[in-house]
C-alpha atoms as a PDB file:
ATOM      1  CA  UNK A   1     127.025  74.014  87.864  1.00  0.00           C
ATOM      2  CA  UNK A   2     123.291  73.372  87.548  1.00  0.00           C
ATOM      3  CA  UNK A   3     121.157  75.465  85.193  1.00  0.00           C
ATOM      4  CA  UNK A   4     119.933  77.471  88.194  1.00  0.00           C
ATOM      5  CA  UNK A   5     123.537  78.319  89.021  1.00  0.00           C
ATOM      6  CA  UNK A   6     124.779  78.966  85.502  1.00  0.00           C
ATOM      7  CA  UNK A   7     126.592  82.163  84.756  1.00  0.00           C
ATOM      8  CA  UNK A   8     124.424  85.226  84.373  1.00  0.00           C
ATOM      9  CA  UNK A   9     124.258  85.023  80.606  1.00  0.00           C
ATOM     10  CA  UNK A  10     127.660  83.988  79.308  1.00  0.00           C
ATOM     11  CA  UNK A  11     127.992  86.794  76.771  1.00  0.00           C
ATOM     12  CA  UNK A  12     128.616  90.496  76.815  1.00  0.00           C
ATOM     13  CA  UNK A  13     125.266  92.299  76.900  1.00  0.00           C
ATOM     14  CA  UNK A  14     124.271  94.726  74.174  1.00  0.00           C
ATOM     15  CA  UNK A  15     124.732  98.406  75.016  1.00  0.00           C
ATOM     16  CA  UNK A  16     122.564 101.387  74.175  1.00  0.00           C
ATOM     17  CA  UNK A  17     121.162 104.475  75.893  1.00  0.00           C
ATOM     18  CA  UNK A  18     118.634 104.307  78.723  1.00  0.00           C
ATOM     19  CA  UNK A  19     115.374 106.191  78.359  1.00  0.00           C
ATOM     20  CA  UNK A  20     115.555 108.969  80.964  1.00  0.00           C
ATOM     21  CA  UNK A  21     113.284 111.722  79.576  1.00  0.00           C
ATOM     22  CA  UNK A  22     114.163 115.290  80.441  1.00  0.00           C
ATOM     23  CA  UNK A  23     117.755 114.619  81.526  1.00  0.00           C
ATOM     24  CA  UNK A  24     119.562 115.231  78.242  1.00  0.00           C
ATOM     25  CA  UNK A  25     120.819 111.699  77.702  1.00  0.00           C
ATOM     26  CA  UNK A  26     122.455 111.644  74.250  1.00  0.00           C
ATOM     27  CA  UNK A  27     120.761 109.670  71.518  1.00  0.00           C
ATOM     28  CA  UNK A  28     123.981 108.510  69.828  1.00  0.00           C
ATOM     29  CA  UNK A  29     126.145 105.600  70.906  1.00  0.00           C
ATOM     30  CA  UNK A  30     129.209 107.819  71.135  1.00  0.00           C
ATOM     31  CA  UNK A  31     130.514 107.821  74.708  1.00  0.00           C
ATOM     32  CA  UNK A  32     128.804 104.613  75.872  1.00  0.00           C
ATOM     33  CA  UNK A  33     130.600 102.973  78.775  1.00  0.00           C
ATOM     34  CA  UNK A  34     132.121  99.521  78.211  1.00  0.00           C
ATOM     35  CA  UNK A  35     130.604  96.546  80.005  1.00  0.00           C
ATOM     36  CA  UNK A  36     133.971  96.015  81.749  1.00  0.00           C
ATOM     37  CA  UNK A  37     133.409  99.383  83.508  1.00  0.00           C
ATOM     38  CA  UNK A  38     130.151  98.129  85.073  1.00  0.00           C
ATOM     39  CA  UNK A  39     131.540  94.704  85.924  1.00  0.00           C
ATOM     40  CA  UNK A  40     134.532  96.143  87.765  1.00  0.00           C
ATOM     41  CA  UNK A  41     132.241  98.294  89.918  1.00  0.00           C
ATOM     42  CA  UNK A  42     129.886  95.399  90.589  1.00  0.00           C
ATOM     43  CA  UNK A  43     132.852  93.231  91.594  1.00  0.00           C
ATOM     44  CA  UNK A  44     134.573  95.873  93.763  1.00  0.00           C
ATOM     45  CA  UNK A  45     131.557  97.307  95.613  1.00  0.00           C
ATOM     46  CA  UNK A  46     131.288  96.622  99.317  1.00  0.00           C
ATOM     47  CA  UNK A  47     127.675  97.584  99.892  1.00  0.00           C
ATOM     48  CA  UNK A  48     124.744  96.787  97.608  1.00  0.00           C
ATOM     49  CA  UNK A  49     121.179  98.081  98.046  1.00  0.00           C
ATOM     50  CA  UNK A  50     118.667  95.327  97.242  1.00  0.00           C
ATOM     51  CA  UNK A  51     115.138  96.427  96.361  1.00  0.00           C
ATOM     52  CA  UNK A  52     112.226  93.990  96.398  1.00  0.00           C
ATOM     53  CA  UNK A  53     108.447  94.288  96.383  1.00  0.00           C
ATOM     54  CA  UNK A  54     106.121  92.598  98.829  1.00  0.00           C
ATOM     55  CA  UNK A  55     102.924  90.741  97.951  1.00  0.00           C
ATOM     56  CA  UNK A  56     100.957  93.865  98.903  1.00  0.00           C
ATOM     57  CA  UNK A  57     102.971  96.012  96.441  1.00  0.00           C
ATOM     58  CA  UNK A  58     105.002  97.849  99.093  1.00  0.00           C
ATOM     59  CA  UNK A  59     108.649  98.384  98.185  1.00  0.00           C
ATOM     60  CA  UNK A  60     111.460  97.286 100.472  1.00  0.00           C
ATOM     61  CA  UNK A  61     115.103  98.281 100.137  1.00  0.00           C
ATOM     62  CA  UNK A  62     117.985  97.292 102.372  1.00  0.00           C
ATOM     63  CA  UNK A  63     121.776  97.300 102.241  1.00  0.00           C
ATOM     64  CA  UNK A  64     123.537  93.940 102.044  1.00  0.00           C
ATOM     65  CA  UNK A  65     126.988  92.542 101.529  1.00  0.00           C
ATOM     66  CA  UNK A  66     127.073  90.821  98.170  1.00  0.00           C
ATOM     67  CA  UNK A  67     129.453  89.659  95.464  1.00  0.00           C
ATOM     68  CA  UNK A  68     129.537  89.647  91.673  1.00  0.00           C
ATOM     69  CA  UNK A  69     130.421  86.113  90.537  1.00  0.00           C
ATOM     70  CA  UNK A  70     129.831  84.446  87.172  1.00  0.00           C
ATOM     71  CA  UNK A  71     127.661  87.351  86.000  1.00  0.00           C
ATOM     72  CA  UNK A  72     125.386  87.130  89.050  1.00  0.00           C
ATOM     73  CA  UNK A  73     124.882  89.185  92.185  1.00  0.00           C
ATOM     74  CA  UNK A  74     124.998  86.796  95.135  1.00  0.00           C
ATOM     75  CA  UNK A  75     124.024  87.531  98.750  1.00  0.00           C
ATOM     76  CA  UNK A  76     122.897  85.816 101.918  1.00  0.00           C
ATOM     77  CA  UNK A  77     119.574  86.450 103.595  1.00  0.00           C
ATOM     78  CA  UNK A  78     117.674  84.724 106.343  1.00  0.00           C
ATOM     79  CA  UNK A  79     114.803  82.698 104.879  1.00  0.00           C
ATOM     80  CA  UNK A  80     112.304  84.524 107.117  1.00  0.00           C
ATOM     81  CA  UNK A  81     113.578  88.043 106.427  1.00  0.00           C
ATOM     82  CA  UNK A  82     111.267  90.483 104.687  1.00  0.00           C
ATOM     83  CA  UNK A  83     113.592  90.467 101.646  1.00  0.00           C
ATOM     84  CA  UNK A  84     113.410  86.667 101.375  1.00  0.00           C
ATOM     85  CA  UNK A  85     109.636  86.600 101.806  1.00  0.00           C
ATOM     86  CA  UNK A  86     109.313  89.305  99.128  1.00  0.00           C
ATOM     87  CA  UNK A  87     111.492  87.341  96.684  1.00  0.00           C
ATOM     88  CA  UNK A  88     109.368  84.234  97.270  1.00  0.00           C
ATOM     89  CA  UNK A  89     106.247  86.223  96.348  1.00  0.00           C
ATOM     90  CA  UNK A  90     107.759  88.310  93.531  1.00  0.00           C
ATOM     91  CA  UNK A  91     111.271  87.542  92.235  1.00  0.00           C
ATOM     92  CA  UNK A  92     111.736  90.915  90.490  1.00  0.00           C
ATOM     93  CA  UNK A  93     114.605  92.772  92.155  1.00  0.00           C
ATOM     94  CA  UNK A  94     116.803  95.813  91.653  1.00  0.00           C
ATOM     95  CA  UNK A  95     120.308  96.228  93.010  1.00  0.00           C
ATOM     96  CA  UNK A  96     122.271  99.484  93.264  1.00  0.00           C
ATOM     97  CA  UNK A  97     125.896  99.594  94.311  1.00  0.00           C
ATOM     98  CA  UNK A  98     126.800 101.961  97.139  1.00  0.00           C
ATOM     99  CA  UNK A  99     128.253 104.687  94.937  1.00  0.00           C
ATOM    100  CA  UNK A 100     126.268 107.709  93.820  1.00  0.00           C
ATOM    101  CA  UNK A 101     129.175 108.852  91.650  1.00  0.00           C
ATOM    102  CA  UNK A 102     129.787 105.667  89.658  1.00  0.00           C
ATOM    103  CA  UNK A 103     126.205 104.494  89.337  1.00  0.00           C
ATOM    104  CA  UNK A 104     125.423 100.868  88.496  1.00  0.00           C
ATOM    105  CA  UNK A 105     121.817  99.681  88.789  1.00  0.00           C
ATOM    106  CA  UNK A 106     120.918  96.062  88.070  1.00  0.00           C
ATOM    107  CA  UNK A 107     117.364  94.984  87.314  1.00  0.00           C
ATOM    108  CA  UNK A 108     116.712  91.281  87.281  1.00  0.00           C
ATOM    109  CA  UNK A 109     115.232  88.203  88.811  1.00  0.00           C
ATOM    110  CA  UNK A 110     116.173  86.915  92.264  1.00  0.00           C
ATOM    111  CA  UNK A 111     116.129  83.271  93.213  1.00  0.00           C
ATOM    112  CA  UNK A 112     117.271  80.979  95.985  1.00  0.00           C
ATOM    113  CA  UNK A 113     120.112  78.536  95.525  1.00  0.00           C
ATOM    114  CA  UNK A 114     119.725  75.816  98.126  1.00  0.00           C
ATOM    115  CA  UNK A 115     122.823  73.773  97.434  1.00  0.00           C
ATOM    116  CA  UNK A 116     125.446  75.462  95.263  1.00  0.00           C
ATOM    117  CA  UNK A 117     127.777  73.043  93.551  1.00  0.00           C
ATOM    118  CA  UNK A 118     131.258  72.891  95.105  1.00  0.00           C
ATOM    119  CA  UNK A 119     133.031  74.814  92.320  1.00  0.00           C
ATOM    120  CA  UNK A 120     130.529  77.685  92.470  1.00  0.00           C
ATOM    121  CA  UNK A 121     130.667  77.675  96.292  1.00  0.00           C
ATOM    122  CA  UNK A 122     134.478  77.932  96.139  1.00  0.00           C
ATOM    123  CA  UNK A 123     134.246  80.969  93.818  1.00  0.00           C
ATOM    124  CA  UNK A 124     131.718  82.536  96.182  1.00  0.00           C
ATOM    125  CA  UNK A 125     133.942  82.026  99.224  1.00  0.00           C
ATOM    126  CA  UNK A 126     136.851  83.593  97.347  1.00  0.00           C
ATOM    127  CA  UNK A 127     134.721  86.611  96.394  1.00  0.00           C
ATOM    128  CA  UNK A 128     133.149  86.934  99.877  1.00  0.00           C
ATOM    129  CA  UNK A 129     136.689  87.118 101.324  1.00  0.00           C
ATOM    130  CA  UNK A 130     136.500  90.885 100.731  1.00  0.00           C
ATOM    131  CA  UNK A 131     134.435  90.993 103.956  1.00  0.00           C
ATOM    132  CA  UNK A 132     136.843  88.951 106.120  1.00  0.00           C
ATOM    133  CA  UNK A 133     138.071  92.087 107.908  1.00  0.00           C
ATOM    134  CA  UNK A 134     134.559  92.825 109.205  1.00  0.00           C
ATOM    135  CA  UNK A 135     134.411  89.916 111.637  1.00  0.00           C
ATOM    136  CA  UNK A 136     131.989  87.741 109.670  1.00  0.00           C
ATOM    137  CA  UNK A 137     132.996  84.414 108.196  1.00  0.00           C
ATOM    138  CA  UNK A 138     130.959  83.093 105.271  1.00  0.00           C
ATOM    139  CA  UNK A 139     130.063  79.440 105.700  1.00  0.00           C
ATOM    140  CA  UNK A 140     128.609  77.290 102.890  1.00  0.00           C
ATOM    141  CA  UNK A 141     126.695  75.308 105.538  1.00  0.00           C
ATOM    142  CA  UNK A 142     124.452  78.391 105.859  1.00  0.00           C
ATOM    143  CA  UNK A 143     123.520  78.004 102.206  1.00  0.00           C
ATOM    144  CA  UNK A 144     122.015  74.533 102.465  1.00  0.00           C
ATOM    145  CA  UNK A 145     118.493  75.591 103.448  1.00  0.00           C
ATOM    146  CA  UNK A 146     117.614  78.694 101.508  1.00  0.00           C
ATOM    147  CA  UNK A 147     120.102  81.230 102.822  1.00  0.00           C
ATOM    148  CA  UNK A 148     121.792  82.041  99.498  1.00  0.00           C
ATOM    149  CA  UNK A 149     120.279  84.209  96.762  1.00  0.00           C
ATOM    150  CA  UNK A 150     121.285  85.304  93.300  1.00  0.00           C
ATOM    151  CA  UNK A 151     120.049  88.150  91.150  1.00  0.00           C
ATOM    152  CA  UNK A 152     120.271  87.269  87.477  1.00  0.00           C
ATOM    153  CA  UNK A 153     120.536  90.557  85.523  1.00  0.00           C
ATOM    154  CA  UNK A 154     118.141  91.408  82.723  1.00  0.00           C
ATOM    155  CA  UNK A 155     119.104  95.071  82.427  1.00  0.00           C
ATOM    156  CA  UNK A 156     121.948  97.124  83.901  1.00  0.00           C
ATOM    157  CA  UNK A 157     122.239 100.910  83.771  1.00  0.00           C
ATOM    158  CA  UNK A 158     125.258 102.959  84.667  1.00  0.00           C
ATOM    159  CA  UNK A 159     126.928 106.345  84.429  1.00  0.00           C
ATOM    160  CA  UNK A 160     130.060 107.971  85.803  1.00  0.00           C
ATOM    161  CA  UNK A 161     129.267 111.606  85.101  1.00  0.00           C
ATOM    162  CA  UNK A 162     126.742 113.662  87.058  1.00  0.00           C
ATOM    163  CA  UNK A 163     125.410 115.107  83.787  1.00  0.00           C
ATOM    164  CA  UNK A 164     124.811 111.472  82.670  1.00  0.00           C
ATOM    165  CA  UNK A 165     126.252 112.111  79.218  1.00  0.00           C
ATOM    166  CA  UNK A 166     127.842 108.645  79.432  1.00  0.00           C
ATOM    167  CA  UNK A 167     124.617 106.949  80.620  1.00  0.00           C
ATOM    168  CA  UNK A 168     124.608 103.404  79.287  1.00  0.00           C
ATOM    169  CA  UNK A 169     122.080 100.603  79.398  1.00  0.00           C
ATOM    170  CA  UNK A 170     123.173  96.993  78.942  1.00  0.00           C
ATOM    171  CA  UNK A 171     120.527  94.475  77.930  1.00  0.00           C
ATOM    172  CA  UNK A 172     120.769  90.726  78.497  1.00  0.00           C
ATOM    173  CA  UNK A 173     118.667  88.752  76.072  1.00  0.00           C
ATOM    174  CA  UNK A 174     116.206  90.340  73.682  1.00  0.00           C
ATOM    175  CA  UNK A 175     114.055  92.770  75.638  1.00  0.00           C
ATOM    176  CA  UNK A 176     114.746  95.946  77.666  1.00  0.00           C
END
């Protein structure tokens, strides 16, 4: 796997509390969710909302089918779509899984992978198989000219309780 296709970060991120003023998020680490909780939801989700920002500063959000593989969110997008043009201008992206009950929000950097190595492509096809019943067949040939994107997480936030007493923030690297 090339450096552009390397696993998200290779280690478990550090966990703490997100800063959500006025919502009563605890200040202690008691009750933090484990990283495995977030990963299972990222892996099992069917619909992911991808948020990007255009060169003019306007936000754009759209639902996509995606997968969680090797610590990365991976999705297809036409190279001329608004989402793809936004990523080319500003790679900052946020991703929210479909659930409003088990919330997982990923903030990171999106990038194109033009030619995934065969081992990574095989893992992607296995993960994308969750969509086989919808009448769409993923084809690595579509990924040869800019049709495949990853979001490399920098920060992930999640909670499973409406009162967000279990709100957890996972940080990759050194800065929130």
